[in-house]
Amino acid sequence: MFFTNATIFQLKEAVDFDTLEAALPNFPLKEVGSQDEYTFGSMPLIRNSETWSLRSGDCLLMRFGKEEKNLPSAIVREALEEKVAQIELIEGRKVYRKEKTDMKDELIFTMRPKAYAKRTDVWMHIDSKAGFIAIYSTSANMIEQAFKHLQTMLGSFPMLPLQAQVSPSAIMTHWLMMNAVPAWLETGATCDIQDRSEDKASIAFKNLEPLSEDVTRHLQQGMSVKSLALRWTDKISFVLHDDLTIRKIKWDDQLKEAAFNDSQGGGLSDMDATFALTTLTTREFFASLCAWFEISAPEQEQAA
């Protein structure tokens, strides 16, 4: 999987791959019912197959999914407004908040069975050697659902957010102000900066060198970096945000070509070859990320 977004979490303890792989098919994604808001569960790596996971060295690839009734709020709001207008016209009275809330719940109950189901996937891999799980999403809701699903399958799941010892925003701001970007790292062509005041005014720079005077002048006046386009070695380019989420990832063509050459053809073979390369690259990148932002291992934090 040449994923394009990622949120990385550290593992507080080892994960038993055998136990996890055995649990995946026992907690599958089910079809959303007529009155269900959504369902969430494990999915085969390839639809209609029996392959629920894939291993490469010390890494395990999984796929979860969410199926939900797509009932746009605008449609519900329009139906509610029409019903309220009819009551006020026919009965000559005003409809107040509590009655509107009850009417809205009734409309949702009536309309939900007719809504079409929408399915969203979320992929992830666990690296037991490096001690992290990379969830290929930056959606807080999907990440929370994935975490809950892992807990449901295993009873508990030992992950925690990356704990930088210094503010990532402060570090990226220092890189630009002092022209001190770490080795093997280059700035890209986009940068978002934000005022530290309460109104949090922001400026988005596009197609502009972040080390230029146009950017650094604002930083010297007290603004700070919120996101920064970067290129790491010759393998990936991406946008790094101050919450350490990684977005708009682009993999180097040479990596993609190497995965193609390693594949024996076919869906699962292609996935296996790609996964083997991306996990090694992601492990190296994670080590660099920890160095840049002084991210210590969980056991070191507990010892402190």
Protein backbone atom coordinates (compact mmCIF):
# COMPACT_ATOMS: atom_id res chain seq x y z
CA MET A 1 0.00 0.00 0.00
CA PHE A 2 1.47 3.31 -1.09
CA PHE A 3 -0.59 5.19 1.49
CA THR A 4 -1.07 8.96 1.20
CA ASN A 5 -1.91 9.90 4.82
CA ALA A 6 -0.76 8.47 8.13
CA THR A 7 -1.09 8.92 11.87
CA ILE A 8 1.54 7.06 13.88
CA PHE A 9 1.11 5.77 17.43
CA GLN A 10 3.67 4.11 19.67
CA LEU A 11 3.08 0.70 21.24
CA LYS A 12 3.43 0.41 25.01
CA GLU A 13 3.95 -3.36 24.75
CA ALA A 14 4.30 -6.08 22.17
CA VAL A 15 1.29 -7.25 20.13
CA ASP A 16 0.80 -10.97 19.55
CA PHE A 17 0.36 -11.23 15.79
CA ASP A 18 -0.95 -14.81 15.94
CA THR A 19 -3.75 -13.83 18.33
CA LEU A 20 -4.63 -10.74 16.32
CA GLU A 21 -4.70 -12.58 12.98
CA ALA A 22 -6.92 -15.29 14.45
CA ALA A 23 -9.37 -12.64 15.73
CA LEU A 24 -9.71 -10.65 12.48
CA PRO A 25 -12.22 -12.93 10.68
CA ASN A 26 -14.25 -13.32 13.88
CA PHE A 27 -15.08 -9.59 13.97
CA PRO A 28 -15.96 -8.81 10.34
CA LEU A 29 -17.64 -5.71 8.98
CA LYS A 30 -21.37 -6.41 8.88
CA GLU A 31 -23.97 -4.89 6.61
CA VAL A 32 -25.51 -1.84 8.23
CA GLY A 33 -29.06 -2.50 9.43
CA SER A 34 -32.12 -0.42 8.65
CA GLN A 35 -31.89 1.49 11.95
CA ASP A 36 -28.12 1.28 12.49
CA GLU A 37 -26.18 4.50 12.27
CA TYR A 38 -23.08 2.55 11.24
CA THR A 39 -21.20 -0.73 11.61
CA PHE A 40 -17.43 -1.22 11.91
CA GLY A 41 -15.30 -4.33 11.51
CA SER A 42 -12.43 -6.21 9.90
CA MET A 43 -12.26 -6.62 6.14
CA PRO A 44 -10.25 -8.97 3.90
CA LEU A 45 -7.32 -7.25 2.22
CA ILE A 46 -8.93 -8.07 -1.12
CA ARG A 47 -12.73 -8.06 -1.27
CA ASN A 48 -14.41 -11.48 -1.37
CA SER A 49 -11.16 -13.22 -0.39
CA GLU A 50 -10.12 -15.05 2.77
CA THR A 51 -6.90 -13.07 3.23
CA TRP A 52 -7.43 -10.95 6.33
CA SER A 53 -3.82 -9.89 6.97
CA LEU A 54 -0.37 -9.89 5.51
CA ARG A 55 3.01 -10.22 7.22
CA SER A 56 6.37 -8.92 6.10
CA GLY A 57 9.16 -9.49 8.57
CA ASP A 58 8.08 -7.91 11.86
CA CYS A 59 5.15 -6.04 10.28
CA LEU A 60 1.48 -6.90 9.94
CA LEU A 61 -0.95 -5.27 7.48
CA MET A 62 -4.71 -5.06 8.22
CA ARG A 63 -7.81 -3.45 6.78
CA PHE A 64 -10.92 -2.31 8.65
CA GLY A 65 -14.09 -0.78 7.30
CA LYS A 66 -17.03 1.38 8.32
CA GLU A 67 -20.46 1.14 6.72
CA GLU A 68 -22.93 3.88 7.54
CA LYS A 69 -26.27 5.18 6.38
CA ASN A 70 -25.68 8.32 4.35
CA LEU A 71 -28.46 10.62 5.53
CA PRO A 72 -27.31 14.18 4.77
CA SER A 73 -28.17 16.69 7.48
CA ALA A 74 -29.42 19.14 4.83
CA ILE A 75 -32.15 16.68 3.79
CA VAL A 76 -33.22 16.14 7.40
CA ARG A 77 -33.23 19.89 8.03
CA GLU A 78 -35.34 20.56 4.93
CA ALA A 79 -37.89 17.89 5.92
CA LEU A 80 -38.03 19.29 9.46
CA GLU A 81 -38.55 22.86 8.26
CA GLU A 82 -41.36 21.73 5.99
CA LYS A 83 -43.09 19.84 8.81
CA VAL A 84 -42.74 22.77 11.23
CA ALA A 85 -44.14 25.17 8.63
CA GLN A 86 -47.18 22.92 8.08
CA ILE A 87 -47.94 22.76 11.81
CA GLU A 88 -47.59 26.52 12.26
CA LEU A 89 -49.84 27.16 9.24
CA ILE A 90 -52.54 24.56 9.92
CA GLU A 91 -52.61 24.66 13.73
CA GLY A 92 -51.74 28.34 14.09
CA ARG A 93 -49.16 27.81 16.82
CA LYS A 94 -45.38 28.06 17.24
CA VAL A 95 -43.24 24.93 17.41
CA TYR A 96 -40.62 25.19 20.16
CA ARG A 97 -37.18 23.57 20.55
CA LYS A 98 -38.12 20.39 22.43
CA GLU A 99 -40.88 19.53 19.98
CA LYS A 100 -38.53 20.23 17.07
CA THR A 101 -35.96 17.87 18.58
CA ASP A 102 -38.56 15.11 18.95
CA MET A 103 -39.76 15.69 15.40
CA LYS A 104 -36.20 15.53 14.08
CA ASP A 105 -35.55 12.20 15.85
CA GLU A 106 -38.78 10.82 14.37
CA LEU A 107 -37.81 11.97 10.88
CA ILE A 108 -34.38 10.35 11.16
CA PHE A 109 -35.99 7.10 12.33
CA THR A 110 -38.36 7.19 9.35
CA MET A 111 -35.81 8.26 6.72
CA ARG A 112 -32.79 6.18 7.76
CA PRO A 113 -33.99 2.82 6.32
CA LYS A 114 -34.30 4.47 2.89
CA ALA A 115 -30.81 6.01 2.99
CA TYR A 116 -28.09 4.30 0.99
CA ALA A 117 -25.11 2.71 2.72
CA LYS A 118 -21.65 4.22 2.31
CA ARG A 119 -18.49 2.19 3.00
CA THR A 120 -15.13 3.66 4.03
CA ASP A 121 -11.90 1.68 4.47
CA VAL A 122 -9.00 2.31 6.83
CA TRP A 123 -5.71 0.44 6.44
CA MET A 124 -2.93 0.14 9.00
CA HIS A 125 0.20 -1.78 9.81
CA ILE A 126 1.92 -2.71 13.05
CA ASP A 127 5.71 -2.73 13.25
CA SER A 128 6.62 -4.86 16.27
CA LYS A 129 10.36 -4.25 15.85
CA ALA A 130 10.14 -0.44 15.80
CA GLY A 131 7.22 -0.39 18.26
CA PHE A 132 4.54 1.55 16.41
CA ILE A 133 1.27 1.27 14.52
CA ALA A 134 0.74 3.41 11.43
CA ILE A 135 -2.93 4.06 10.66
CA TYR A 136 -3.33 5.26 7.09
CA SER A 137 -5.77 8.03 7.95
CA THR A 138 -5.90 11.44 9.60
CA SER A 139 -9.62 11.21 10.41
CA ALA A 140 -10.05 11.33 14.19
CA ASN A 141 -13.31 9.39 13.93
CA MET A 142 -11.85 6.55 11.83
CA ILE A 143 -8.79 6.32 14.07
CA GLU A 144 -10.97 6.14 17.17
CA GLN A 145 -13.13 3.41 15.60
CA ALA A 146 -10.04 1.43 14.58
CA PHE A 147 -8.64 1.69 18.10
CA LYS A 148 -11.93 0.51 19.63
CA HIS A 149 -12.06 -2.40 17.18
CA LEU A 150 -8.55 -3.49 18.14
CA GLN A 151 -9.57 -3.31 21.80
CA THR A 152 -12.70 -5.35 21.11
CA MET A 153 -10.73 -8.08 19.36
CA LEU A 154 -7.88 -8.29 21.87
CA GLY A 155 -9.46 -7.04 25.11
CA SER A 156 -7.00 -4.13 25.17
CA PHE A 157 -4.60 -2.49 22.76
CA PRO A 158 -1.45 -0.75 23.99
CA MET A 159 -1.08 2.32 21.75
CA LEU A 160 -0.52 5.95 22.66
CA PRO A 161 0.05 9.17 20.66
CA LEU A 162 3.56 10.28 19.84
CA GLN A 163 4.88 12.31 22.76
CA ALA A 164 7.30 14.95 21.49
CA GLN A 165 9.49 16.45 24.21
CA VAL A 166 9.41 19.81 22.41
CA SER A 167 6.49 21.38 20.52
CA PRO A 168 6.62 20.22 16.87
CA SER A 169 5.43 23.67 15.83
CA ALA A 170 8.31 25.30 17.73
CA ILE A 171 10.82 22.92 16.16
CA MET A 172 9.59 23.50 12.60
CA THR A 173 9.53 27.26 13.24
CA HIS A 174 13.17 27.05 14.42
CA TRP A 175 14.11 25.12 11.26
CA LEU A 176 12.87 27.93 9.04
CA MET A 177 14.00 30.89 11.13
CA MET A 178 17.54 29.52 11.58
CA ASN A 179 17.78 27.75 8.21
CA ALA A 180 18.50 24.62 10.22
CA VAL A 181 16.49 21.89 8.48
CA PRO A 182 17.93 18.47 9.50
CA ALA A 183 20.14 16.48 7.17
CA TRP A 184 18.33 14.33 4.58
CA LEU A 185 15.36 16.70 4.80
CA GLU A 186 14.40 19.43 2.34
CA THR A 187 11.60 21.97 2.44
CA GLY A 188 8.85 21.78 -0.14
CA ALA A 189 6.73 24.50 -1.70
CA THR A 190 3.94 24.95 0.86
CA CYS A 191 3.82 26.19 4.43
CA ASP A 192 0.98 27.18 6.77
CA ILE A 193 1.77 29.50 9.66
CA GLN A 194 -0.44 30.71 12.50
CA ASP A 195 -0.57 33.59 14.92
CA ARG A 196 -0.11 32.62 18.56
CA SER A 197 -2.77 35.09 19.71
CA GLU A 198 -6.31 34.10 20.61
CA ASP A 199 -7.72 34.84 17.16
CA LYS A 200 -5.15 32.42 15.62
CA ALA A 201 -4.98 34.20 12.29
CA SER A 202 -3.24 32.04 9.71
CA ILE A 203 -1.43 32.43 6.38
CA ALA A 204 -1.08 29.68 3.77
CA PHE A 205 1.95 29.97 1.47
CA LYS A 206 1.86 27.97 -1.76
CA ASN A 207 4.46 27.59 -4.48
CA LEU A 208 6.88 29.53 -2.30
CA GLU A 209 10.15 28.47 -0.70
CA PRO A 210 9.45 28.31 3.09
CA LEU A 211 12.95 29.59 3.82
CA SER A 212 12.21 32.80 1.89
CA GLU A 213 12.01 36.19 3.57
CA ASP A 214 8.24 36.34 2.97
CA VAL A 215 7.81 33.46 5.42
CA THR A 216 10.59 34.08 7.93
CA ARG A 217 9.57 37.72 8.39
CA HIS A 218 6.18 36.61 9.76
CA LEU A 219 7.85 34.02 11.98
CA GLN A 220 10.15 36.66 13.43
CA GLN A 221 7.05 38.67 14.29
CA GLY A 222 5.73 35.84 16.44
CA MET A 223 3.86 33.50 14.12
CA SER A 224 4.61 29.76 14.14
CA VAL A 225 4.54 26.88 11.69
CA LYS A 226 1.36 24.81 11.60
CA SER A 227 2.26 22.60 8.63
CA LEU A 228 5.25 22.30 6.36
CA ALA A 229 5.87 20.51 3.07
CA LEU A 230 9.03 18.40 3.27
CA ARG A 231 11.00 15.83 1.31
CA TRP A 232 12.86 13.10 3.18
CA THR A 233 15.92 11.53 1.51
CA ASP A 234 14.97 10.53 -2.02
CA LYS A 235 12.05 8.35 -0.95
CA ILE A 236 8.99 10.38 0.06
CA SER A 237 7.62 13.91 0.08
CA PHE A 238 4.82 14.91 2.45
CA VAL A 239 3.19 17.64 4.52
CA LEU A 240 3.95 17.42 8.23
CA HIS A 241 1.44 19.01 10.63
CA ASP A 242 2.07 20.28 14.13
CA ASP A 243 0.10 17.34 15.58
CA LEU A 244 2.60 15.05 13.79
CA THR A 245 0.02 13.75 11.33
CA ILE A 246 1.53 13.14 7.90
CA ARG A 247 -0.49 14.07 4.83
CA LYS A 248 -0.19 14.24 1.05
CA ILE A 249 2.50 11.58 1.01
CA LYS A 250 4.08 10.97 -2.38
CA TRP A 251 6.36 7.98 -2.86
CA ASP A 252 9.35 8.21 -5.15
CA ASP A 253 8.90 6.58 -8.54
CA GLN A 254 11.97 4.42 -7.98
CA LEU A 255 10.32 2.80 -4.94
CA LYS A 256 7.18 2.13 -6.95
CA GLU A 257 9.24 0.63 -9.76
CA ALA A 258 11.14 -1.59 -7.31
CA ALA A 259 7.83 -2.88 -5.89
CA PHE A 260 6.57 -3.57 -9.41
CA ASN A 261 9.73 -5.51 -10.25
CA ASP A 262 9.50 -7.55 -7.04
CA SER A 263 5.87 -8.50 -7.69
CA GLN A 264 5.04 -11.76 -9.42
CA GLY A 265 1.82 -10.28 -10.77
CA GLY A 266 -1.67 -10.32 -9.31
CA GLY A 267 -3.43 -8.42 -6.56
CA LEU A 268 -2.00 -10.09 -3.46
CA SER A 269 1.48 -10.42 -4.95
CA ASP A 270 1.52 -6.70 -5.81
CA MET A 271 0.34 -5.87 -2.30
CA ASP A 272 3.01 -8.09 -0.74
CA ALA A 273 5.83 -6.48 -2.74
CA THR A 274 4.61 -2.96 -2.00
CA PHE A 275 4.11 -3.69 1.69
CA ALA A 276 7.63 -5.10 2.06
CA LEU A 277 9.15 -1.90 0.67
CA THR A 278 6.89 0.63 2.37
CA THR A 279 7.30 -0.93 5.83
CA LEU A 280 11.10 -0.67 5.67
CA THR A 281 10.86 2.94 4.48
CA THR A 282 8.29 3.80 7.14
CA ARG A 283 10.48 2.26 9.86
CA GLU A 284 13.44 4.39 8.78
CA PHE A 285 11.24 7.47 8.59
CA PHE A 286 9.82 6.80 12.08
CA ALA A 287 13.36 6.69 13.50
CA SER A 288 14.10 10.08 11.89
CA LEU A 289 10.81 11.52 13.17
CA CYS A 290 11.69 10.46 16.71
CA ALA A 291 15.09 12.13 16.41
CA TRP A 292 13.72 15.39 14.99
CA PHE A 293 11.10 15.85 17.70
CA GLU A 294 12.80 14.11 20.63
CA ILE A 295 10.21 11.35 20.88
CA SER A 296 11.25 8.87 23.51
CA ALA A 297 10.16 5.25 23.81
CA PRO A 298 7.20 4.64 26.17
CA GLU A 299 9.28 2.73 28.71
CA GLN A 300 11.68 5.68 28.95
CA GLU A 301 8.77 8.02 29.72
CA GLN A 302 7.51 5.71 32.48
CA ALA A 303 10.98 5.45 33.97
CA ALA A 304 11.21 9.23 34.15
